[in-house]
Protein backbone atom coordinates (compact mmCIF):
# COMPACT_ATOMS: atom_id res chain seq x y z
CA MET A 1 -13.89 5.81 -30.12
CA ASP A 2 -11.97 8.18 -32.43
CA SER A 3 -11.22 10.48 -29.50
CA LEU A 4 -9.71 7.60 -27.53
CA ILE A 5 -7.55 6.61 -30.50
CA ASP A 6 -6.33 10.19 -30.83
CA LEU A 7 -5.50 10.27 -27.12
CA GLN A 8 -3.46 7.05 -27.13
CA PRO A 9 -0.10 8.76 -26.35
CA GLN A 10 -1.63 10.50 -23.32
CA LEU A 11 -3.37 7.28 -22.27
CA TRP A 12 -0.15 5.23 -22.24
CA LYS A 13 1.69 8.04 -20.48
CA ALA A 14 -1.05 8.09 -17.83
CA ALA A 15 -0.81 4.29 -17.46
CA TYR A 16 2.95 4.58 -16.93
CA GLU A 17 2.44 7.33 -14.34
CA THR A 18 -0.08 5.18 -12.45
CA VAL A 19 2.35 2.23 -12.34
CA TYR A 20 5.18 4.59 -11.33
CA ILE A 21 3.17 6.21 -8.52
CA VAL A 22 1.79 2.94 -7.18
CA ALA A 23 5.11 1.05 -7.40
CA LEU A 24 7.05 3.71 -5.48
CA THR A 25 4.24 4.06 -2.96
CA LEU A 26 4.20 0.30 -2.43
CA LEU A 27 7.98 0.36 -1.94
CA PHE A 28 8.08 3.19 0.61
CA GLY A 29 4.69 2.64 2.21
CA GLY A 30 5.19 -1.13 2.17
CA LEU A 31 8.48 -0.84 4.03
CA GLY A 32 7.05 1.65 6.53
CA GLY A 33 3.96 -0.50 7.05
CA LEU A 34 6.08 -3.63 7.51
CA LEU A 35 8.20 -1.98 10.19
CA LEU A 36 5.18 -0.48 11.94
CA GLY A 37 3.23 -3.75 11.74
CA LEU A 38 6.23 -5.67 13.11
CA ALA A 39 6.49 -3.18 15.96
CA LEU A 40 2.80 -3.68 16.79
CA TYR A 41 3.18 -7.46 16.69
CA LEU A 42 6.40 -7.57 18.71
CA THR A 43 5.34 -5.18 21.48
CA ARG A 44 1.89 -6.59 22.21
CA GLU A 45 1.33 -8.55 25.43
CA GLY A 46 3.18 -11.88 25.46
CA ALA A 47 5.27 -11.07 22.37
CA LEU A 48 9.06 -11.08 21.99
CA PHE A 49 9.48 -7.42 22.96
CA ALA A 50 6.28 -6.94 24.96
CA ASN A 51 5.87 -3.32 26.02
CA ARG A 52 2.44 -2.06 26.95
CA VAL A 53 3.31 1.64 26.62
CA VAL A 54 4.94 1.36 23.18
CA PHE A 55 2.16 -0.88 21.88
CA GLY A 56 -0.49 1.49 23.26
CA VAL A 57 1.06 4.54 21.59
CA LEU A 58 1.53 2.77 18.23
CA ASN A 59 -1.99 1.35 18.38
CA VAL A 60 -3.52 4.79 18.99
CA VAL A 61 -1.46 6.42 16.22
CA VAL A 62 -2.53 3.79 13.67
CA ASN A 63 -6.17 3.96 14.80
CA VAL A 64 -6.17 7.75 14.45
CA PHE A 65 -4.69 8.02 10.96
CA ARG A 66 -5.85 4.82 9.25
CA PRO A 67 -9.61 5.67 8.95
CA ILE A 68 -9.08 9.17 7.46
CA PRO A 69 -10.44 9.27 3.87
CA PHE A 70 -7.51 9.75 1.52
CA ILE A 71 -8.84 12.87 -0.20
CA ILE A 72 -8.99 14.57 3.23
CA PHE A 73 -5.62 13.15 4.27
CA LEU A 74 -4.15 14.45 1.00
CA ALA A 75 -5.27 18.00 1.75
CA ALA A 76 -4.25 17.85 5.41
CA ALA A 77 -0.78 16.47 4.64
CA GLN A 78 0.06 19.06 1.96
CA PRO A 79 2.06 21.30 4.35
CA LEU A 80 4.04 18.25 5.52
CA ALA A 81 4.68 17.15 1.93
CA ARG A 82 5.86 20.66 1.10
CA ALA A 83 8.26 20.60 4.05
CA VAL A 84 9.65 17.12 3.33
CA VAL A 85 9.78 16.85 -0.48
CA GLY A 86 9.65 20.54 -1.36
CA THR A 87 6.25 20.58 -3.05
CA GLY A 88 2.62 20.00 -2.20
CA VAL A 89 1.51 19.21 -5.74
CA GLY A 90 2.49 16.80 -8.50
CA ASN A 91 3.52 13.15 -8.55
CA THR A 92 6.26 13.58 -5.93
CA ALA A 93 3.78 14.97 -3.42
CA ILE A 94 1.20 12.28 -4.18
CA ILE A 95 3.81 9.52 -3.73
CA PHE A 96 4.88 10.97 -0.37
CA THR A 97 1.31 11.36 0.89
CA LEU A 98 0.20 7.98 -0.45
CA SER A 99 3.20 6.29 1.16
CA LEU A 100 2.38 7.89 4.50
CA ALA A 101 -1.29 6.87 4.33
CA ALA A 102 -0.42 3.39 3.07
CA SER A 103 2.00 2.79 5.96
CA PHE A 104 -0.84 2.95 8.48
CA ALA A 105 -3.12 0.70 6.44
CA ILE A 106 -0.37 -1.84 5.70
CA SER A 107 0.73 -1.96 9.34
CA ARG A 108 -2.61 -3.48 10.36
CA ILE A 109 -2.47 -6.03 7.55
CA VAL A 110 1.06 -7.01 8.57
CA GLU A 111 0.14 -7.24 12.25
CA GLN A 112 -2.94 -9.39 11.57
CA ASN A 113 -1.04 -11.75 9.26
CA LEU A 114 1.83 -12.14 11.71
CA LEU A 115 -0.70 -13.07 14.40
CA THR A 116 -1.61 -16.14 12.30
CA VAL A 117 1.79 -17.66 13.15
CA GLN A 118 1.22 -20.32 15.80
CA PRO A 119 2.56 -19.10 19.19
CA GLY A 120 3.76 -22.64 19.88
CA VAL A 121 6.24 -22.43 17.01
CA VAL A 122 7.70 -19.23 18.41
CA GLU A 123 7.85 -20.64 21.94
CA ALA A 124 9.60 -23.77 20.68
CA ALA A 125 12.25 -21.63 18.98
CA ARG A 126 12.74 -19.57 22.15
CA ALA A 127 13.09 -22.75 24.19
CA ALA A 128 15.73 -23.97 21.75
CA GLY A 129 17.77 -20.84 22.43
CA ALA A 130 17.01 -18.85 19.26
CA GLY A 131 17.34 -15.08 19.67
CA PRO A 132 14.45 -12.69 18.96
CA PHE A 133 15.81 -11.41 15.65
CA ARG A 134 16.55 -14.92 14.45
CA ILE A 135 13.00 -15.95 15.32
CA ILE A 136 11.62 -12.97 13.37
CA GLY A 137 13.75 -13.61 10.30
CA SER A 138 13.62 -17.42 10.16
CA ILE A 139 10.21 -18.25 11.64
CA VAL A 140 7.73 -15.39 11.97
CA LEU A 141 8.14 -13.71 8.57
CA PRO A 142 8.57 -16.95 6.53
CA GLU A 143 5.53 -18.54 8.21
CA ALA A 144 3.38 -15.50 7.39
CA LEU A 145 4.81 -14.97 3.90
CA GLY A 146 1.81 -16.32 1.93
CA PRO A 147 -0.80 -14.18 3.73
CA LEU A 148 1.56 -11.18 3.57
CA VAL A 149 1.84 -11.51 -0.21
CA LEU A 150 -1.95 -11.55 -0.49
CA GLY A 151 -2.16 -8.58 1.85
CA TYR A 152 0.28 -6.54 -0.23
CA THR A 153 -1.59 -7.53 -3.39
CA PHE A 154 -4.77 -6.15 -1.84
CA ILE A 155 -2.93 -2.95 -0.94
CA PHE A 156 -1.70 -2.57 -4.53
CA VAL A 157 -5.30 -2.61 -5.74
CA ALA A 158 -6.26 -0.07 -3.06
CA LEU A 159 -3.35 2.18 -4.05
CA VAL A 160 -4.48 2.18 -7.69
CA ASP A 161 -7.85 3.40 -6.41
CA MET A 162 -6.26 6.03 -4.15
CA SER A 163 -3.90 7.26 -6.89
CA ALA A 164 -6.95 8.22 -8.97
CA VAL A 165 -7.25 11.44 -6.97
CA ALA A 166 -3.74 12.54 -8.01
CA GLY A 167 -5.28 14.87 -10.55
CA TYR A 168 -6.68 17.04 -7.78
CA VAL A 169 -3.14 18.04 -6.72
CA GLY A 170 -1.63 18.31 -10.19
CA GLY A 171 -0.50 14.68 -10.39
CA GLY A 172 -0.85 12.33 -13.33
CA GLY A 173 -2.08 8.80 -13.86
CA LEU A 174 -5.17 7.14 -15.26
CA GLY A 175 -7.48 8.84 -12.79
CA ALA A 176 -6.28 12.27 -13.85
CA PHE A 177 -6.53 11.21 -17.51
CA ALA A 178 -10.14 10.03 -17.09
CA LEU A 179 -11.03 13.22 -15.24
CA LEU A 180 -9.38 15.60 -17.71
CA TYR A 181 -10.15 13.99 -21.06
CA GLY A 182 -13.23 11.96 -20.20
CA TYR A 183 -15.39 13.40 -17.43
CA ARG A 184 -14.71 17.10 -18.08
CA GLN A 185 -15.10 16.65 -21.84
CA PHE A 186 -18.32 14.61 -21.44
CA ASP A 187 -16.69 11.70 -23.29
CA PRO A 188 -17.67 8.38 -21.66
CA VAL A 189 -15.63 6.37 -24.19
CA VAL A 190 -12.41 7.95 -22.94
CA THR A 191 -13.47 7.49 -19.33
CA TRP A 192 -14.24 3.81 -19.84
CA GLY A 193 -11.04 3.33 -21.79
CA ALA A 194 -9.11 4.43 -18.69
CA VAL A 195 -11.33 2.28 -16.46
CA LEU A 196 -10.72 -0.83 -18.58
CA LEU A 197 -6.96 -0.25 -18.50
CA ILE A 198 -7.11 -0.01 -14.70
CA ILE A 199 -9.10 -3.27 -14.57
CA VAL A 200 -6.49 -5.04 -16.73
CA LEU A 201 -3.66 -3.73 -14.55
CA VAL A 202 -5.38 -4.84 -11.36
CA GLN A 203 -6.18 -8.28 -12.75
CA LEU A 204 -2.57 -8.86 -13.80
CA VAL A 205 -1.26 -7.90 -10.37
CA GLN A 206 -3.93 -9.96 -8.61
CA PHE A 207 -3.02 -13.01 -10.71
CA LEU A 208 0.67 -12.54 -9.92
CA GLY A 209 -0.03 -12.06 -6.22
CA ASN A 210 -2.19 -15.19 -6.04
CA HIS A 211 0.50 -17.19 -7.85
CA LEU A 212 3.27 -16.02 -5.50
CA ALA A 213 1.09 -16.62 -2.43
CA ARG A 214 0.35 -20.19 -3.55
CA ARG A 215 4.05 -20.86 -4.03
CA ALA A 216 4.83 -19.44 -0.59
CA LEU A 217 2.10 -21.55 1.07
CA ARG A 218 3.38 -24.75 -0.58
CA ARG A 219 6.88 -24.40 0.83
């Protein structure tokens, strides 16, 4: 316990780095996943912008990259990260790589949640003369808002898990803290201190996500 008390400054710094990494990843990856998921939803057969070729290409791309374990994806994407953000190590590289991986995972969640919108509602809006973009902005996205909030909450939890490997590429965060000061020093108290902080963070975000989803579903 004394070792954990002595390491409090590093622990809070690691907690901040985890929140920083995950928040930026959720911003960039969330936006990329939303656009990709919308594209999958809108180009499938019978949709507003149905296009078999575009949907087929997007579907294959997502299916190829989404199942790759993140630790492997992290290593494989290092040259790309170096080309785009100028470095293959550190928090900047981990945010770029996480955002890229998250985009493919989020796109499926977005697509599946948008498919819960009743086709009859969309058809009624089209019959009333509403344009495609108006239908997307005023019907499709608002109708799927509650499930989307829950989906993004789930992704936040997954990103906290994925960010734990940041230490392998020189990044920070609670995972790197637990690895450096706990596991490698054979100090389970420090390791569990980091684990408990992660659990608290996840629970707070899950509570907030559930609250926002309930509010969206009661509209």
